Amino acid sequence: MSDRGIPDGFAVVRTIGPFSAETLPKGLLAEHRLKPDRWGRISLHEGEVRLVMDDGSGTVTHLAAPATAMILPEVPHHVEFDDDFLLEIAFLTRAEGQD
């Protein structure tokens, strides 16, 4: 993993945020998925959130700052929270020459 928290073999193509409970796009609270060639990395800087996988597995990842979580391509998921937080989301792709 790089010193910026990027997994080896990946490159950031876009970052969004930071978001709080008031500014988080509503679409992230509903089921959505990443493109086939994109991974997501949530970086939670303050507070707590839940990353819920909507793929039938029942997986819920509780994140408490400071924390990061990776989201796989095409896996349906959404975010839940009870109190304020601060997070950013980076979208990653495999770096050139990586399989």
PDB file of N, CA and C in Angstrom:
ATOM      1  N   MET A   1       0.847  -1.166   0.000  1.00  0.00           N
ATOM      2  CA  MET A   1       0.000   0.000   0.000  1.00  0.00           C
ATOM      3  C   MET A   1       0.896   1.233   0.000  1.00  0.00           C
ATOM      4  N   SER A   2       0.522   2.240  -0.766  1.00  0.00           N
ATOM      5  CA  SER A   2       1.325   3.454  -0.837  1.00  0.00           C
ATOM      6  C   SER A   2       1.161   4.275   0.432  1.00  0.00           C
ATOM      7  N   ASP A   3       1.970   5.305   0.551  1.00  0.00           N
ATOM      8  CA  ASP A   3       1.879   6.165   1.725  1.00  0.00           C
ATOM      9  C   ASP A   3       0.601   7.004   1.722  1.00  0.00           C
ATOM     10  N   ARG A   4      -0.128   7.052   0.607  1.00  0.00           N
ATOM     11  CA  ARG A   4      -1.403   7.755   0.544  1.00  0.00           C
ATOM     12  C   ARG A   4      -2.586   6.815   0.766  1.00  0.00           C
ATOM     13  N   GLY A   5      -2.309   5.562   1.102  1.00  0.00           N
ATOM     14  CA  GLY A   5      -3.385   4.615   1.363  1.00  0.00           C
ATOM     15  C   GLY A   5      -3.972   3.970   0.121  1.00  0.00           C
ATOM     16  N   ILE A   6      -3.294   4.097  -1.000  1.00  0.00           N
ATOM     17  CA  ILE A   6      -3.758   3.491  -2.249  1.00  0.00           C
ATOM     18  C   ILE A   6      -3.177   2.085  -2.338  1.00  0.00           C
ATOM     19  N   PRO A   7      -4.026   1.071  -2.555  1.00  0.00           N
ATOM     20  CA  PRO A   7      -3.495  -0.289  -2.688  1.00  0.00           C
ATOM     21  C   PRO A   7      -2.505  -0.375  -3.854  1.00  0.00           C
ATOM     22  N   ASP A   8      -1.468  -1.167  -3.691  1.00  0.00           N
ATOM     23  CA  ASP A   8      -0.489  -1.362  -4.753  1.00  0.00           C
ATOM     24  C   ASP A   8      -1.200  -1.839  -6.017  1.00  0.00           C
ATOM     25  N   GLY A   9      -0.777  -1.309  -7.146  1.00  0.00           N
ATOM     26  CA  GLY A   9      -1.351  -1.718  -8.422  1.00  0.00           C
ATOM     27  C   GLY A   9      -2.582  -0.926  -8.818  1.00  0.00           C
ATOM     28  N   PHE A  10      -2.965   0.081  -8.029  1.00  0.00           N
ATOM     29  CA  PHE A  10      -4.138   0.890  -8.338  1.00  0.00           C
ATOM     30  C   PHE A  10      -3.751   2.357  -8.471  1.00  0.00           C
ATOM     31  N   ALA A  11      -4.580   3.102  -9.182  1.00  0.00           N
ATOM     32  CA  ALA A  11      -4.397   4.541  -9.333  1.00  0.00           C
ATOM     33  C   ALA A  11      -5.738   5.228  -9.115  1.00  0.00           C
ATOM     34  N   VAL A  12      -5.716   6.370  -8.452  1.00  0.00           N
ATOM     35  CA  VAL A  12      -6.939   7.151  -8.233  1.00  0.00           C
ATOM     36  C   VAL A  12      -7.290   7.876  -9.523  1.00  0.00           C
ATOM     37  N   VAL A  13      -8.553   7.747  -9.954  1.00  0.00           N
ATOM     38  CA  VAL A  13      -9.005   8.456 -11.146  1.00  0.00           C
ATOM     39  C   VAL A  13      -9.886   9.647 -10.791  1.00  0.00           C
ATOM     40  N   ARG A  14     -10.454   9.637  -9.569  1.00  0.00           N
ATOM     41  CA  ARG A  14     -11.326  10.731  -9.153  1.00  0.00           C
ATOM     42  C   ARG A  14     -11.562  10.624  -7.656  1.00  0.00           C
ATOM     43  N   THR A  15     -11.684  11.766  -6.996  1.00  0.00           N
ATOM     44  CA  THR A  15     -12.026  11.806  -5.576  1.00  0.00           C
ATOM     45  C   THR A  15     -13.186  12.768  -5.388  1.00  0.00           C
ATOM     46  N   ILE A  16     -14.148  12.381  -4.536  1.00  0.00           N
ATOM     47  CA  ILE A  16     -15.272  13.265  -4.223  1.00  0.00           C
ATOM     48  C   ILE A  16     -15.347  13.465  -2.716  1.00  0.00           C
ATOM     49  N   GLY A  17     -15.891  14.603  -2.323  1.00  0.00           N
ATOM     50  CA  GLY A  17     -15.985  14.934  -0.918  1.00  0.00           C
ATOM     51  C   GLY A  17     -14.934  15.959  -0.572  1.00  0.00           C
ATOM     52  N   PRO A  18     -14.813  16.274   0.697  1.00  0.00           N
ATOM     53  CA  PRO A  18     -15.405  15.585   1.838  1.00  0.00           C
ATOM     54  C   PRO A  18     -16.900  15.877   1.977  1.00  0.00           C
ATOM     55  N   PHE A  19     -17.605  14.883   2.550  1.00  0.00           N
ATOM     56  CA  PHE A  19     -19.036  14.975   2.799  1.00  0.00           C
ATOM     57  C   PHE A  19     -19.318  14.789   4.277  1.00  0.00           C
ATOM     58  N   SER A  20     -20.353  15.466   4.733  1.00  0.00           N
ATOM     59  CA  SER A  20     -20.859  15.288   6.095  1.00  0.00           C
ATOM     60  C   SER A  20     -22.265  14.715   5.987  1.00  0.00           C
ATOM     61  N   ALA A  21     -22.919  14.540   7.127  1.00  0.00           N
ATOM     62  CA  ALA A  21     -24.296  14.048   7.125  1.00  0.00           C
ATOM     63  C   ALA A  21     -25.206  14.995   6.335  1.00  0.00           C
ATOM     64  N   GLU A  22     -24.898  16.273   6.352  1.00  0.00           N
ATOM     65  CA  GLU A  22     -25.719  17.262   5.649  1.00  0.00           C
ATOM     66  C   GLU A  22     -25.429  17.337   4.160  1.00  0.00           C
ATOM     67  N   THR A  23     -24.213  16.992   3.746  1.00  0.00           N
ATOM     68  CA  THR A  23     -23.826  17.183   2.346  1.00  0.00           C
ATOM     69  C   THR A  23     -23.672  15.895   1.544  1.00  0.00           C
ATOM     70  N   LEU A  24     -23.803  14.740   2.197  1.00  0.00           N
ATOM     71  CA  LEU A  24     -23.666  13.469   1.478  1.00  0.00           C
ATOM     72  C   LEU A  24     -24.726  13.377   0.378  1.00  0.00           C
ATOM     73  N   PRO A  25     -24.322  13.102  -0.860  1.00  0.00           N
ATOM     74  CA  PRO A  25     -25.316  12.955  -1.922  1.00  0.00           C
ATOM     75  C   PRO A  25     -26.331  11.856  -1.578  1.00  0.00           C
ATOM     76  N   LYS A  26     -27.604  12.170  -1.758  1.00  0.00           N
ATOM     77  CA  LYS A  26     -28.681  11.235  -1.394  1.00  0.00           C
ATOM     78  C   LYS A  26     -28.559   9.895  -2.116  1.00  0.00           C
ATOM     79  N   GLY A  27     -27.979   9.902  -3.314  1.00  0.00           N
ATOM     80  CA  GLY A  27     -27.822   8.656  -4.065  1.00  0.00           C
ATOM     81  C   GLY A  27     -26.953   7.631  -3.356  1.00  0.00           C
ATOM     82  N   LEU A  28     -26.063   8.081  -2.463  1.00  0.00           N
ATOM     83  CA  LEU A  28     -25.195   7.155  -1.742  1.00  0.00           C
ATOM     84  C   LEU A  28     -25.937   6.448  -0.611  1.00  0.00           C
ATOM     85  N   LEU A  29     -27.130   6.957  -0.264  1.00  0.00           N
ATOM     86  CA  LEU A  29     -27.954   6.318   0.768  1.00  0.00           C
ATOM     87  C   LEU A  29     -28.830   5.217   0.191  1.00  0.00           C
ATOM     88  N   ALA A  30     -28.946   5.171  -1.126  1.00  0.00           N
ATOM     89  CA  ALA A  30     -29.738   4.148  -1.819  1.00  0.00           C
ATOM     90  C   ALA A  30     -28.796   3.158  -2.496  1.00  0.00           C
ATOM     91  N   GLU A  31     -29.315   2.001  -2.816  1.00  0.00           N
ATOM     92  CA  GLU A  31     -28.493   0.991  -3.484  1.00  0.00           C
ATOM     93  C   GLU A  31     -27.912   1.550  -4.779  1.00  0.00           C
ATOM     94  N   HIS A  32     -26.615   1.353  -4.954  1.00  0.00           N
ATOM     95  CA  HIS A  32     -25.922   1.742  -6.173  1.00  0.00           C
ATOM     96  C   HIS A  32     -24.711   0.836  -6.339  1.00  0.00           C
ATOM     97  N   ARG A  33     -24.051   0.919  -7.455  1.00  0.00           N
ATOM     98  CA  ARG A  33     -22.861   0.084  -7.706  1.00  0.00           C
ATOM     99  C   ARG A  33     -21.857   0.830  -8.560  1.00  0.00           C
ATOM    100  N   LEU A  34     -20.620   0.388  -8.462  1.00  0.00           N
ATOM    101  CA  LEU A  34     -19.537   0.977  -9.241  1.00  0.00           C
ATOM    102  C   LEU A  34     -19.454   0.320 -10.613  1.00  0.00           C
ATOM    103  N   LYS A  35     -18.828   1.027 -11.556  1.00  0.00           N
ATOM    104  CA  LYS A  35     -18.621   0.496 -12.896  1.00  0.00           C
ATOM    105  C   LYS A  35     -17.761  -0.770 -12.828  1.00  0.00           C
ATOM    106  N   PRO A  36     -17.796  -1.594 -13.879  1.00  0.00           N
ATOM    107  CA  PRO A  36     -17.010  -2.838 -13.885  1.00  0.00           C
ATOM    108  C   PRO A  36     -15.518  -2.646 -13.667  1.00  0.00           C
ATOM    109  N   ASP A  37     -14.962  -1.528 -14.082  1.00  0.00           N
ATOM    110  CA  ASP A  37     -13.513  -1.324 -13.969  1.00  0.00           C
ATOM    111  C   ASP A  37     -13.133  -0.333 -12.872  1.00  0.00           C
ATOM    112  N   ARG A  38     -14.037  -0.088 -11.919  1.00  0.00           N
ATOM    113  CA  ARG A  38     -13.777   0.881 -10.851  1.00  0.00           C
ATOM    114  C   ARG A  38     -13.936   0.252  -9.471  1.00  0.00           C
ATOM    115  N   TRP A  39     -13.026   0.590  -8.588  1.00  0.00           N
ATOM    116  CA  TRP A  39     -13.105   0.233  -7.181  1.00  0.00           C
ATOM    117  C   TRP A  39     -13.344   1.530  -6.421  1.00  0.00           C
ATOM    118  N   GLY A  40     -13.890   1.443  -5.242  1.00  0.00           N
ATOM    119  CA  GLY A  40     -14.077   2.627  -4.418  1.00  0.00           C
ATOM    120  C   GLY A  40     -13.330   2.467  -3.106  1.00  0.00           C
ATOM    121  N   ARG A  41     -12.876   3.594  -2.567  1.00  0.00           N
ATOM    122  CA  ARG A  41     -12.251   3.581  -1.252  1.00  0.00           C
ATOM    123  C   ARG A  41     -12.866   4.699  -0.429  1.00  0.00           C
ATOM    124  N   ILE A  42     -13.588   4.305   0.622  1.00  0.00           N
ATOM    125  CA  ILE A  42     -14.137   5.287   1.555  1.00  0.00           C
ATOM    126  C   ILE A  42     -13.068   5.587   2.587  1.00  0.00           C
ATOM    127  N   SER A  43     -12.800   6.866   2.794  1.00  0.00           N
ATOM    128  CA  SER A  43     -11.899   7.307   3.858  1.00  0.00           C
ATOM    129  C   SER A  43     -12.735   8.103   4.848  1.00  0.00           C
ATOM    130  N   LEU A  44     -12.929   7.530   6.018  1.00  0.00           N
ATOM    131  CA  LEU A  44     -13.734   8.165   7.054  1.00  0.00           C
ATOM    132  C   LEU A  44     -12.811   8.917   7.995  1.00  0.00           C
ATOM    133  N   HIS A  45     -12.991  10.241   8.069  1.00  0.00           N
ATOM    134  CA  HIS A  45     -12.122  11.099   8.864  1.00  0.00           C
ATOM    135  C   HIS A  45     -12.699  11.417  10.241  1.00  0.00           C
ATOM    136  N   GLU A  46     -14.018  11.461  10.348  1.00  0.00           N
ATOM    137  CA  GLU A  46     -14.686  11.761  11.617  1.00  0.00           C
ATOM    138  C   GLU A  46     -15.984  10.963  11.698  1.00  0.00           C
ATOM    139  N   GLY A  47     -16.363  10.570  12.909  1.00  0.00           N
ATOM    140  CA  GLY A  47     -17.648   9.922  13.126  1.00  0.00           C
ATOM    141  C   GLY A  47     -17.660   8.445  12.789  1.00  0.00           C
ATOM    142  N   GLU A  48     -18.888   7.949  12.549  1.00  0.00           N
ATOM    143  CA  GLU A  48     -19.117   6.543  12.229  1.00  0.00           C
ATOM    144  C   GLU A  48     -20.132   6.429  11.105  1.00  0.00           C
ATOM    145  N   VAL A  49     -19.950   5.432  10.237  1.00  0.00           N
ATOM    146  CA  VAL A  49     -20.916   5.098   9.187  1.00  0.00           C
ATOM    147  C   VAL A  49     -20.970   3.584   9.053  1.00  0.00           C
ATOM    148  N   ARG A  50     -21.995   3.117   8.363  1.00  0.00           N
ATOM    149  CA  ARG A  50     -22.119   1.699   8.026  1.00  0.00           C
ATOM    150  C   ARG A  50     -22.133   1.573   6.507  1.00  0.00           C
ATOM    151  N   LEU A  51     -21.303   0.657   6.012  1.00  0.00           N
ATOM    152  CA  LEU A  51     -21.276   0.321   4.592  1.00  0.00           C
ATOM    153  C   LEU A  51     -22.036  -0.994   4.447  1.00  0.00           C
ATOM    154  N   VAL A  52     -23.177  -0.946   3.775  1.00  0.00           N
ATOM    155  CA  VAL A  52     -24.072  -2.095   3.668  1.00  0.00           C
ATOM    156  C   VAL A  52     -23.997  -2.667   2.257  1.00  0.00           C
ATOM    157  N   MET A  53     -23.679  -3.958   2.149  1.00  0.00           N
ATOM    158  CA  MET A  53     -23.655  -4.642   0.862  1.00  0.00           C
ATOM    159  C   MET A  53     -25.076  -5.132   0.554  1.00  0.00           C
ATOM    160  N   ASP A  54     -25.605  -4.702  -0.587  1.00  0.00           N
ATOM    161  CA  ASP A  54     -26.960  -5.070  -1.005  1.00  0.00           C
ATOM    162  C   ASP A  54     -26.939  -6.228  -1.994  1.00  0.00           C
ATOM    163  N   ASP A  55     -25.992  -7.145  -1.801  1.00  0.00           N
ATOM    164  CA  ASP A  55     -25.792  -8.265  -2.726  1.00  0.00           C
ATOM    165  C   ASP A  55     -26.375  -9.569  -2.206  1.00  0.00           C
ATOM    166  N   GLY A  56     -27.156  -9.496  -1.120  1.00  0.00           N
ATOM    167  CA  GLY A  56     -27.745 -10.697  -0.541  1.00  0.00           C
ATOM    168  C   GLY A  56     -26.883 -11.354   0.515  1.00  0.00           C
ATOM    169  N   SER A  57     -25.666 -10.850   0.728  1.00  0.00           N
ATOM    170  CA  SER A  57     -24.746 -11.463   1.696  1.00  0.00           C
ATOM    171  C   SER A  57     -25.061 -11.049   3.132  1.00  0.00           C
ATOM    172  N   GLY A  58     -25.761  -9.925   3.296  1.00  0.00           N
ATOM    173  CA  GLY A  58     -26.033  -9.419   4.638  1.00  0.00           C
ATOM    174  C   GLY A  58     -24.838  -8.734   5.280  1.00  0.00           C
ATOM    175  N   THR A  59     -23.792  -8.463   4.519  1.00  0.00           N
ATOM    176  CA  THR A  59     -22.578  -7.866   5.064  1.00  0.00           C
ATOM    177  C   THR A  59     -22.795  -6.388   5.386  1.00  0.00           C
ATOM    178  N   VAL A  60     -22.493  -6.030   6.625  1.00  0.00           N
ATOM    179  CA  VAL A  60     -22.517  -4.637   7.065  1.00  0.00           C
ATOM    180  C   VAL A  60     -21.169  -4.359   7.724  1.00  0.00           C
ATOM    181  N   THR A  61     -20.455  -3.379   7.203  1.00  0.00           N
ATOM    182  CA  THR A  61     -19.165  -3.000   7.760  1.00  0.00           C
ATOM    183  C   THR A  61     -19.334  -1.704   8.534  1.00  0.00           C
ATOM    184  N   HIS A  62     -19.081  -1.771   9.845  1.00  0.00           N
ATOM    185  CA  HIS A  62     -19.164  -0.587  10.700  1.00  0.00           C
ATOM    186  C   HIS A  62     -17.800   0.094  10.674  1.00  0.00           C
ATOM    187  N   LEU A  63     -17.785   1.348  10.282  1.00  0.00           N
ATOM    188  CA  LEU A  63     -16.548   2.115  10.222  1.00  0.00           C
ATOM    189  C   LEU A  63     -16.568   3.207  11.286  1.00  0.00           C
ATOM    190  N   ALA A  64     -15.501   3.325  12.048  1.00  0.00           N
ATOM    191  CA  ALA A  64     -15.327   4.390  13.033  1.00  0.00           C
ATOM    192  C   ALA A  64     -14.004   5.090  12.724  1.00  0.00           C
ATOM    193  N   ALA A  65     -14.042   6.399  12.610  1.00  0.00           N
ATOM    194  CA  ALA A  65     -12.864   7.177  12.212  1.00  0.00           C
ATOM    195  C   ALA A  65     -11.719   7.016  13.194  1.00  0.00           C
ATOM    196  N   PRO A  66     -10.505   7.005  12.661  1.00  0.00           N
ATOM    197  CA  PRO A  66     -10.149   7.019  11.242  1.00  0.00           C
ATOM    198  C   PRO A  66     -10.240   5.611  10.661  1.00  0.00           C
ATOM    199  N   ALA A  67     -10.811   5.493   9.485  1.00  0.00           N
ATOM    200  CA  ALA A  67     -10.989   4.167   8.884  1.00  0.00           C
ATOM    201  C   ALA A  67     -11.093   4.290   7.366  1.00  0.00           C
ATOM    202  N   THR A  68     -10.773   3.188   6.680  1.00  0.00           N
ATOM    203  CA  THR A  68     -10.970   3.096   5.242  1.00  0.00           C
ATOM    204  C   THR A  68     -11.637   1.776   4.927  1.00  0.00           C
ATOM    205  N   ALA A  69     -12.330   1.739   3.809  1.00  0.00           N
ATOM    206  CA  ALA A  69     -12.950   0.503   3.324  1.00  0.00           C
ATOM    207  C   ALA A  69     -12.929   0.516   1.809  1.00  0.00           C
ATOM    208  N   MET A  70     -12.647  -0.636   1.220  1.00  0.00           N
ATOM    209  CA  MET A  70     -12.656  -0.787  -0.229  1.00  0.00           C
ATOM    210  C   MET A  70     -13.997  -1.364  -0.671  1.00  0.00           C
ATOM    211  N   ILE A  71     -14.463  -0.886  -1.830  1.00  0.00           N
ATOM    212  CA  ILE A  71     -15.711  -1.359  -2.422  1.00  0.00           C
ATOM    213  C   ILE A  71     -15.358  -1.945  -3.782  1.00  0.00           C
ATOM    214  N   LEU A  72     -15.796  -3.161  -4.019  1.00  0.00           N
ATOM    215  CA  LEU A  72     -15.485  -3.847  -5.276  1.00  0.00           C
ATOM    216  C   LEU A  72     -16.381  -3.377  -6.409  1.00  0.00           C
ATOM    217  N   PRO A  73     -15.892  -3.504  -7.653  1.00  0.00           N
ATOM    218  CA  PRO A  73     -16.711  -3.132  -8.812  1.00  0.00           C
ATOM    219  C   PRO A  73     -18.010  -3.940  -8.851  1.00  0.00           C
ATOM    220  N   GLU A  74     -19.071  -3.296  -9.281  1.00  0.00           N
ATOM    221  CA  GLU A  74     -20.367  -3.919  -9.578  1.00  0.00           C
ATOM    222  C   GLU A  74     -21.092  -4.519  -8.378  1.00  0.00           C
ATOM    223  N   VAL A  75     -20.590  -4.355  -7.158  1.00  0.00           N
ATOM    224  CA  VAL A  75     -21.267  -4.902  -5.981  1.00  0.00           C
ATOM    225  C   VAL A  75     -22.257  -3.858  -5.466  1.00  0.00           C
ATOM    226  N   PRO A  76     -23.557  -4.182  -5.424  1.00  0.00           N
ATOM    227  CA  PRO A  76     -24.531  -3.205  -4.933  1.00  0.00           C
ATOM    228  C   PRO A  76     -24.311  -2.924  -3.444  1.00  0.00           C
ATOM    229  N   HIS A  77     -24.412  -1.638  -3.081  1.00  0.00           N
ATOM    230  CA  HIS A  77     -24.142  -1.233  -1.703  1.00  0.00           C
ATOM    231  C   HIS A  77     -24.782   0.122  -1.435  1.00  0.00           C
ATOM    232  N   HIS A  78     -24.806   0.509  -0.165  1.00  0.00           N
ATOM    233  CA  HIS A  78     -25.222   1.854   0.218  1.00  0.00           C
ATOM    234  C   HIS A  78     -24.601   2.200   1.570  1.00  0.00           C
ATOM    235  N   VAL A  79     -24.699   3.480   1.941  1.00  0.00           N
ATOM    236  CA  VAL A  79     -24.146   3.982   3.195  1.00  0.00           C
ATOM    237  C   VAL A  79     -25.292   4.330   4.142  1.00  0.00           C
ATOM    238  N   GLU A  80     -25.094   4.036   5.440  1.00  0.00           N
ATOM    239  CA  GLU A  80     -26.041   4.418   6.489  1.00  0.00           C
ATOM    240  C   GLU A  80     -25.282   5.134   7.594  1.00  0.00           C
ATOM    241  N   PHE A  81     -25.987   5.997   8.348  1.00  0.00           N
ATOM    242  CA  PHE A  81     -25.362   6.696   9.478  1.00  0.00           C
ATOM    243  C   PHE A  81     -26.432   7.141  10.453  1.00  0.00           C
ATOM    244  N   ASP A  82     -25.996   7.410  11.676  1.00  0.00           N
ATOM    245  CA  ASP A  82     -26.895   7.928  12.709  1.00  0.00           C
ATOM    246  C   ASP A  82     -26.525   9.343  13.132  1.00  0.00           C
ATOM    247  N   ASP A  83     -25.244   9.668  13.130  1.00  0.00           N
ATOM    248  CA  ASP A  83     -24.759  10.974  13.563  1.00  0.00           C
ATOM    249  C   ASP A  83     -23.835  11.557  12.509  1.00  0.00           C
ATOM    250  N   ASP A  84     -23.342  12.753  12.766  1.00  0.00           N
ATOM    251  CA  ASP A  84     -22.502  13.429  11.793  1.00  0.00           C
ATOM    252  C   ASP A  84     -21.182  12.685  11.578  1.00  0.00           C
ATOM    253  N   PHE A  85     -20.590  12.910  10.442  1.00  0.00           N
ATOM    254  CA  PHE A  85     -19.344  12.256  10.040  1.00  0.00           C
ATOM    255  C   PHE A  85     -18.673  13.134   9.001  1.00  0.00           C
ATOM    256  N   LEU A  86     -17.475  12.755   8.604  1.00  0.00           N
ATOM    257  CA  LEU A  86     -16.771  13.402   7.508  1.00  0.00           C
ATOM    258  C   LEU A  86     -16.054  12.311   6.734  1.00  0.00           C
ATOM    259  N   LEU A  87     -16.381  12.174   5.445  1.00  0.00           N
ATOM    260  CA  LEU A  87     -15.755  11.140   4.626  1.00  0.00           C
ATOM    261  C   LEU A  87     -15.471  11.648   3.227  1.00  0.00           C
ATOM    262  N   GLU A  88     -14.543  10.964   2.581  1.00  0.00           N
ATOM    263  CA  GLU A  88     -14.219  11.186   1.180  1.00  0.00           C
ATOM    264  C   GLU A  88     -14.279   9.838   0.474  1.00  0.00           C
ATOM    265  N   ILE A  89     -14.524   9.884  -0.819  1.00  0.00           N
ATOM    266  CA  ILE A  89     -14.557   8.661  -1.610  1.00  0.00           C
ATOM    267  C   ILE A  89     -13.607   8.823  -2.793  1.00  0.00           C
ATOM    268  N   ALA A  90     -12.696   7.871  -2.946  1.00  0.00           N
ATOM    269  CA  ALA A  90     -11.786   7.848  -4.090  1.00  0.00           C
ATOM    270  C   ALA A  90     -12.221   6.715  -5.008  1.00  0.00           C
ATOM    271  N   PHE A  91     -12.196   6.971  -6.295  1.00  0.00           N
ATOM    272  CA  PHE A  91     -12.488   5.949  -7.295  1.00  0.00           C
ATOM    273  C   PHE A  91     -11.159   5.536  -7.905  1.00  0.00           C
ATOM    274  N   LEU A  92     -10.934   4.229  -7.945  1.00  0.00           N
ATOM    275  CA  LEU A  92      -9.652   3.694  -8.390  1.00  0.00           C
ATOM    276  C   LEU A  92      -9.828   2.769  -9.591  1.00  0.00           C
ATOM    277  N   THR A  93      -8.759   2.634 -10.340  1.00  0.00           N
ATOM    278  CA  THR A  93      -8.687   1.670 -11.423  1.00  0.00           C
ATOM    279  C   THR A  93      -7.335   0.987 -11.331  1.00  0.00           C
ATOM    280  N   ARG A  94      -7.211  -0.151 -11.974  1.00  0.00           N
ATOM    281  CA  ARG A  94      -5.909  -0.820 -11.989  1.00  0.00           C
ATOM    282  C   ARG A  94      -4.919   0.059 -12.735  1.00  0.00           C
ATOM    283  N   ALA A  95      -3.734   0.183 -12.179  1.00  0.00           N
ATOM    284  CA  ALA A  95      -2.692   0.991 -12.818  1.00  0.00           C
ATOM    285  C   ALA A  95      -2.253   0.309 -14.108  1.00  0.00           C
ATOM    286  N   GLU A  96      -1.746   1.091 -15.028  1.00  0.00           N
ATOM    287  CA  GLU A  96      -1.267   0.561 -16.311  1.00  0.00           C
ATOM    288  C   GLU A  96      -0.325  -0.623 -16.078  1.00  0.00           C
ATOM    289  N   GLY A  97      -0.551  -1.701 -16.823  1.00  0.00           N
ATOM    290  CA  GLY A  97       0.330  -2.854 -16.738  1.00  0.00           C
ATOM    291  C   GLY A  97       0.009  -3.791 -15.589  1.00  0.00           C
ATOM    292  N   GLN A  98      -1.064  -3.541 -14.836  1.00  0.00           N
ATOM    293  CA  GLN A  98      -1.446  -4.398 -13.710  1.00  0.00           C
ATOM    294  C   GLN A  98      -2.604  -5.297 -14.123  1.00  0.00           C
ATOM    295  N   ASP A  99      -2.588  -6.531 -13.677  1.00  0.00           N
ATOM    296  CA  ASP A  99      -3.690  -7.471 -13.975  1.00  0.00           C
ATOM    297  C   ASP A  99      -4.378  -7.853 -12.695  1.00  0.00           C
TER     298      ASP A  99
END
